[in-house]
């Protein structure tokens, strides 16, 4: 079990109201979301590599 598993889960973020947003604002919002997705993917990759390293160390 990971220490993060003991922390309470964050509430699901509320969806943003897209109706009043212009096309430019929507495109900027997509850019923000894509940047956040990239950040999360990098963290997943880092944690996966770390876990693989730890598993290989303990297999010896």
PDB file of N, CA and C in Angstrom:
ATOM      1  N   UNK A   1       0.850  -1.180   0.000  1.00  0.00           N
ATOM      2  CA  UNK A   1       0.000   0.000   0.000  1.00  0.00           C
ATOM      3  C   UNK A   1       0.890   1.235   0.000  1.00  0.00           C
ATOM      4  N   UNK A   2       0.527   2.170  -0.825  1.00  0.00           N
ATOM      5  CA  UNK A   2       1.268   3.422  -0.943  1.00  0.00           C
ATOM      6  C   UNK A   2       0.740   4.436   0.073  1.00  0.00           C
ATOM      7  N   UNK A   3       1.596   5.346   0.547  1.00  0.00           N
ATOM      8  CA  UNK A   3       1.114   6.377   1.480  1.00  0.00           C
ATOM      9  C   UNK A   3      -0.024   7.214   0.897  1.00  0.00           C
ATOM     10  N   UNK A   4       0.006   7.410  -0.433  1.00  0.00           N
ATOM     11  CA  UNK A   4      -1.056   8.193  -1.072  1.00  0.00           C
ATOM     12  C   UNK A   4      -2.415   7.511  -0.939  1.00  0.00           C
ATOM     13  N   UNK A   5      -2.395   6.174  -0.805  1.00  0.00           N
ATOM     14  CA  UNK A   5      -3.652   5.435  -0.683  1.00  0.00           C
ATOM     15  C   UNK A   5      -4.382   5.768   0.616  1.00  0.00           C
ATOM     16  N   UNK A   6      -3.645   6.233   1.608  1.00  0.00           N
ATOM     17  CA  UNK A   6      -4.244   6.552   2.899  1.00  0.00           C
ATOM     18  C   UNK A   6      -4.875   7.943   2.929  1.00  0.00           C
ATOM     19  N   UNK A   7      -4.499   8.779   1.980  1.00  0.00           N
ATOM     20  CA  UNK A   7      -5.040  10.136   1.927  1.00  0.00           C
ATOM     21  C   UNK A   7      -6.459  10.112   1.368  1.00  0.00           C
ATOM     22  N   UNK A   8      -7.302  11.016   1.835  1.00  0.00           N
ATOM     23  CA  UNK A   8      -8.661  11.066   1.271  1.00  0.00           C
ATOM     24  C   UNK A   8      -8.612  11.481  -0.195  1.00  0.00           C
ATOM     25  N   UNK A   9      -9.475  10.891  -0.965  1.00  0.00           N
ATOM     26  CA  UNK A   9      -9.542  11.211  -2.396  1.00  0.00           C
ATOM     27  C   UNK A   9     -10.146  12.598  -2.580  1.00  0.00           C
ATOM     28  N   UNK A  10      -9.595  13.324  -3.526  1.00  0.00           N
ATOM     29  CA  UNK A  10     -10.127  14.649  -3.841  1.00  0.00           C
ATOM     30  C   UNK A  10     -11.472  14.487  -4.539  1.00  0.00           C
ATOM     31  N   UNK A  11     -12.337  15.417  -4.290  1.00  0.00           N
ATOM     32  CA  UNK A  11     -13.644  15.395  -4.945  1.00  0.00           C
ATOM     33  C   UNK A  11     -13.454  15.608  -6.442  1.00  0.00           C
ATOM     34  N   UNK A  12     -14.339  15.027  -7.216  1.00  0.00           N
ATOM     35  CA  UNK A  12     -14.279  15.181  -8.666  1.00  0.00           C
ATOM     36  C   UNK A  12     -14.458  16.663  -8.997  1.00  0.00           C
ATOM     37  N   UNK A  13     -13.549  17.224  -9.808  1.00  0.00           N
ATOM     38  CA  UNK A  13     -13.671  18.652 -10.126  1.00  0.00           C
ATOM     39  C   UNK A  13     -14.965  18.938 -10.886  1.00  0.00           C
ATOM     40  N   UNK A  14     -15.546  20.078 -10.578  1.00  0.00           N
ATOM     41  CA  UNK A  14     -16.778  20.454 -11.265  1.00  0.00           C
ATOM     42  C   UNK A  14     -16.463  20.847 -12.693  1.00  0.00           C
ATOM     43  N   UNK A  15     -17.378  20.517 -13.579  1.00  0.00           N
ATOM     44  CA  UNK A  15     -17.192  20.895 -14.971  1.00  0.00           C
ATOM     45  C   UNK A  15     -17.403  22.391 -15.118  1.00  0.00           C
ATOM     46  N   UNK A  16     -16.613  22.960 -15.998  1.00  0.00           N
ATOM     47  CA  UNK A  16     -16.699  24.387 -16.267  1.00  0.00           C
ATOM     48  C   UNK A  16     -17.875  24.656 -17.204  1.00  0.00           C
ATOM     49  N   UNK A  17     -18.553  25.767 -16.991  1.00  0.00           N
ATOM     50  CA  UNK A  17     -19.644  26.157 -17.879  1.00  0.00           C
ATOM     51  C   UNK A  17     -19.027  26.710 -19.158  1.00  0.00           C
ATOM     52  N   UNK A  18     -19.224  25.982 -20.258  1.00  0.00           N
ATOM     53  CA  UNK A  18     -18.607  26.369 -21.525  1.00  0.00           C
ATOM     54  C   UNK A  18     -19.460  27.338 -22.334  1.00  0.00           C
ATOM     55  N   UNK A  19     -20.735  27.441 -22.008  1.00  0.00           N
ATOM     56  CA  UNK A  19     -21.668  28.244 -22.804  1.00  0.00           C
ATOM     57  C   UNK A  19     -21.228  29.702 -22.977  1.00  0.00           C
ATOM     58  N   UNK A  20     -20.790  30.390 -21.926  1.00  0.00           N
ATOM     59  CA  UNK A  20     -20.444  31.802 -22.118  1.00  0.00           C
ATOM     60  C   UNK A  20     -19.060  32.025 -22.725  1.00  0.00           C
ATOM     61  N   UNK A  21     -18.310  30.966 -22.979  1.00  0.00           N
ATOM     62  CA  UNK A  21     -16.939  31.113 -23.465  1.00  0.00           C
ATOM     63  C   UNK A  21     -16.906  31.258 -24.983  1.00  0.00           C
ATOM     64  N   UNK A  22     -16.032  32.136 -25.451  1.00  0.00           N
ATOM     65  CA  UNK A  22     -15.852  32.320 -26.898  1.00  0.00           C
ATOM     66  C   UNK A  22     -15.002  31.173 -27.447  1.00  0.00           C
ATOM     67  N   UNK A  23     -14.911  31.102 -28.760  1.00  0.00           N
ATOM     68  CA  UNK A  23     -14.089  30.070 -29.397  1.00  0.00           C
ATOM     69  C   UNK A  23     -12.633  30.207 -28.942  1.00  0.00           C
ATOM     70  N   UNK A  24     -12.142  31.426 -28.870  1.00  0.00           N
ATOM     71  CA  UNK A  24     -10.764  31.660 -28.443  1.00  0.00           C
ATOM     72  C   UNK A  24     -10.554  31.208 -26.997  1.00  0.00           C
ATOM     73  N   UNK A  25     -11.524  31.509 -26.146  1.00  0.00           N
ATOM     74  CA  UNK A  25     -11.429  31.081 -24.750  1.00  0.00           C
ATOM     75  C   UNK A  25     -11.478  29.562 -24.642  1.00  0.00           C
ATOM     76  N   UNK A  26     -12.316  28.940 -25.454  1.00  0.00           N
ATOM     77  CA  UNK A  26     -12.398  27.478 -25.450  1.00  0.00           C
ATOM     78  C   UNK A  26     -11.083  26.857 -25.916  1.00  0.00           C
ATOM     79  N   UNK A  27     -10.478  27.434 -26.942  1.00  0.00           N
ATOM     80  CA  UNK A  27      -9.193  26.926 -27.421  1.00  0.00           C
ATOM     81  C   UNK A  27      -8.102  27.098 -26.364  1.00  0.00           C
ATOM     82  N   UNK A  28      -8.122  28.217 -25.665  1.00  0.00           N
ATOM     83  CA  UNK A  28      -7.162  28.438 -24.583  1.00  0.00           C
ATOM     84  C   UNK A  28      -7.391  27.435 -23.459  1.00  0.00           C
ATOM     85  N   UNK A  29      -8.640  27.158 -23.164  1.00  0.00           N
ATOM     86  CA  UNK A  29      -8.996  26.189 -22.128  1.00  0.00           C
ATOM     87  C   UNK A  29      -8.501  24.798 -22.518  1.00  0.00           C
ATOM     88  N   UNK A  30      -8.664  24.434 -23.784  1.00  0.00           N
ATOM     89  CA  UNK A  30      -8.148  23.149 -24.265  1.00  0.00           C
ATOM     90  C   UNK A  30      -6.634  23.095 -24.068  1.00  0.00           C
ATOM     91  N   UNK A  31      -5.948  24.191 -24.360  1.00  0.00           N
ATOM     92  CA  UNK A  31      -4.501  24.250 -24.157  1.00  0.00           C
ATOM     93  C   UNK A  31      -4.121  24.016 -22.702  1.00  0.00           C
ATOM     94  N   UNK A  32      -4.874  24.616 -21.786  1.00  0.00           N
ATOM     95  CA  UNK A  32      -4.622  24.420 -20.356  1.00  0.00           C
ATOM     96  C   UNK A  32      -4.816  22.958 -19.972  1.00  0.00           C
ATOM     97  N   UNK A  33      -5.894  22.367 -20.471  1.00  0.00           N
ATOM     98  CA  UNK A  33      -6.175  20.968 -20.155  1.00  0.00           C
ATOM     99  C   UNK A  33      -5.110  20.041 -20.734  1.00  0.00           C
ATOM    100  N   UNK A  34      -4.675  20.311 -21.958  1.00  0.00           N
ATOM    101  CA  UNK A  34      -3.633  19.488 -22.576  1.00  0.00           C
ATOM    102  C   UNK A  34      -2.318  19.602 -21.808  1.00  0.00           C
ATOM    103  N   UNK A  35      -2.002  20.794 -21.320  1.00  0.00           N
ATOM    104  CA  UNK A  35      -0.791  20.983 -20.520  1.00  0.00           C
ATOM    105  C   UNK A  35      -0.888  20.187 -19.220  1.00  0.00           C
ATOM    106  N   UNK A  36      -2.051  20.185 -18.606  1.00  0.00           N
ATOM    107  CA  UNK A  36      -2.247  19.423 -17.366  1.00  0.00           C
ATOM    108  C   UNK A  36      -2.152  17.924 -17.640  1.00  0.00           C
ATOM    109  N   UNK A  37      -2.722  17.475 -18.752  1.00  0.00           N
ATOM    110  CA  UNK A  37      -2.634  16.061 -19.119  1.00  0.00           C
ATOM    111  C   UNK A  37      -1.173  15.669 -19.328  1.00  0.00           C
ATOM    112  N   UNK A  38      -0.397  16.506 -19.998  1.00  0.00           N
ATOM    113  CA  UNK A  38       1.023  16.227 -20.219  1.00  0.00           C
ATOM    114  C   UNK A  38       1.772  16.140 -18.894  1.00  0.00           C
ATOM    115  N   UNK A  39       1.451  17.027 -17.970  1.00  0.00           N
ATOM    116  CA  UNK A  39       2.099  17.017 -16.650  1.00  0.00           C
ATOM    117  C   UNK A  39       1.787  15.726 -15.906  1.00  0.00           C
ATOM    118  N   UNK A  40       0.539  15.295 -15.970  1.00  0.00           N
ATOM    119  CA  UNK A  40       0.132  14.059 -15.300  1.00  0.00           C
ATOM    120  C   UNK A  40       0.820  12.857 -15.943  1.00  0.00           C
ATOM    121  N   UNK A  41       0.898  12.835 -17.264  1.00  0.00           N
ATOM    122  CA  UNK A  41       1.565  11.720 -17.961  1.00  0.00           C
ATOM    123  C   UNK A  41       3.045  11.644 -17.583  1.00  0.00           C
ATOM    124  N   UNK A  42       3.702  12.787 -17.440  1.00  0.00           N
ATOM    125  CA  UNK A  42       5.104  12.800 -17.020  1.00  0.00           C
ATOM    126  C   UNK A  42       5.247  12.222 -15.618  1.00  0.00           C
ATOM    127  N   UNK A  43       4.337  12.568 -14.734  1.00  0.00           N
ATOM    128  CA  UNK A  43       4.390  12.055 -13.372  1.00  0.00           C
ATOM    129  C   UNK A  43       4.146  10.549 -13.356  1.00  0.00           C
ATOM    130  N   UNK A  44       3.214  10.082 -14.171  1.00  0.00           N
ATOM    131  CA  UNK A  44       2.957   8.643 -14.270  1.00  0.00           C
ATOM    132  C   UNK A  44       4.215   7.928 -14.756  1.00  0.00           C
ATOM    133  N   UNK A  45       4.862   8.477 -15.779  1.00  0.00           N
ATOM    134  CA  UNK A  45       6.080   7.865 -16.314  1.00  0.00           C
ATOM    135  C   UNK A  45       7.174   7.813 -15.251  1.00  0.00           C
ATOM    136  N   UNK A  46       7.341   8.908 -14.511  1.00  0.00           N
ATOM    137  CA  UNK A  46       8.354   8.964 -13.457  1.00  0.00           C
ATOM    138  C   UNK A  46       8.073   7.918 -12.385  1.00  0.00           C
ATOM    139  N   UNK A  47       6.826   7.816 -11.965  1.00  0.00           N
ATOM    140  CA  UNK A  47       6.468   6.858 -10.920  1.00  0.00           C
ATOM    141  C   UNK A  47       6.587   5.422 -11.411  1.00  0.00           C
ATOM    142  N   UNK A  48       6.265   5.182 -12.673  1.00  0.00           N
ATOM    143  CA  UNK A  48       6.395   3.842 -13.238  1.00  0.00           C
ATOM    144  C   UNK A  48       7.860   3.422 -13.276  1.00  0.00           C
ATOM    145  N   UNK A  49       8.742   4.321 -13.691  1.00  0.00           N
ATOM    146  CA  UNK A  49      10.174   4.021 -13.718  1.00  0.00           C
ATOM    147  C   UNK A  49      10.698   3.767 -12.310  1.00  0.00           C
ATOM    148  N   UNK A  50      10.246   4.573 -11.368  1.00  0.00           N
ATOM    149  CA  UNK A  50      10.677   4.412  -9.980  1.00  0.00           C
ATOM    150  C   UNK A  50      10.240   3.053  -9.449  1.00  0.00           C
ATOM    151  N   UNK A  51       9.006   2.682  -9.720  1.00  0.00           N
ATOM    152  CA  UNK A  51       8.489   1.395  -9.255  1.00  0.00           C
ATOM    153  C   UNK A  51       9.250   0.248  -9.907  1.00  0.00           C
ATOM    154  N   UNK A  52       9.534   0.359 -11.204  1.00  0.00           N
ATOM    155  CA  UNK A  52      10.286  -0.684 -11.907  1.00  0.00           C
ATOM    156  C   UNK A  52      11.680  -0.842 -11.309  1.00  0.00           C
ATOM    157  N   UNK A  53      12.308   0.271 -10.986  1.00  0.00           N
ATOM    158  CA  UNK A  53      13.637   0.222 -10.373  1.00  0.00           C
ATOM    159  C   UNK A  53      13.583  -0.463  -9.018  1.00  0.00           C
ATOM    160  N   UNK A  54      12.594  -0.118  -8.231  1.00  0.00           N
ATOM    161  CA  UNK A  54      12.452  -0.726  -6.905  1.00  0.00           C
ATOM    162  C   UNK A  54      12.162  -2.219  -7.022  1.00  0.00           C
ATOM    163  N   UNK A  55      11.296  -2.598  -7.946  1.00  0.00           N
ATOM    164  CA  UNK A  55      10.969  -4.013  -8.120  1.00  0.00           C
ATOM    165  C   UNK A  55      12.191  -4.803  -8.564  1.00  0.00           C
ATOM    166  N   UNK A  56      12.986  -4.248  -9.465  1.00  0.00           N
ATOM    167  CA  UNK A  56      14.176  -4.964  -9.925  1.00  0.00           C
ATOM    168  C   UNK A  56      15.206  -5.083  -8.807  1.00  0.00           C
ATOM    169  N   UNK A  57      15.280  -4.100  -7.937  1.00  0.00           N
ATOM    170  CA  UNK A  57      16.204  -4.148  -6.813  1.00  0.00           C
ATOM    171  C   UNK A  57      15.823  -5.271  -5.853  1.00  0.00           C
ATOM    172  N   UNK A  58      14.542  -5.436  -5.582  1.00  0.00           N
ATOM    173  CA  UNK A  58      14.101  -6.438  -4.620  1.00  0.00           C
ATOM    174  C   UNK A  58      14.025  -7.842  -5.213  1.00  0.00           C
ATOM    175  N   UNK A  59      14.106  -7.971  -6.523  1.00  0.00           N
ATOM    176  CA  UNK A  59      14.084  -9.294  -7.153  1.00  0.00           C
ATOM    177  C   UNK A  59      15.428  -9.994  -7.034  1.00  0.00           C
ATOM    178  N   UNK A  60      16.467  -9.245  -6.768  1.00  0.00           N
ATOM    179  CA  UNK A  60      17.822  -9.823  -6.720  1.00  0.00           C
ATOM    180  C   UNK A  60      18.020 -10.683  -5.524  1.00  0.00           C
TER     181      UNK A  60
END
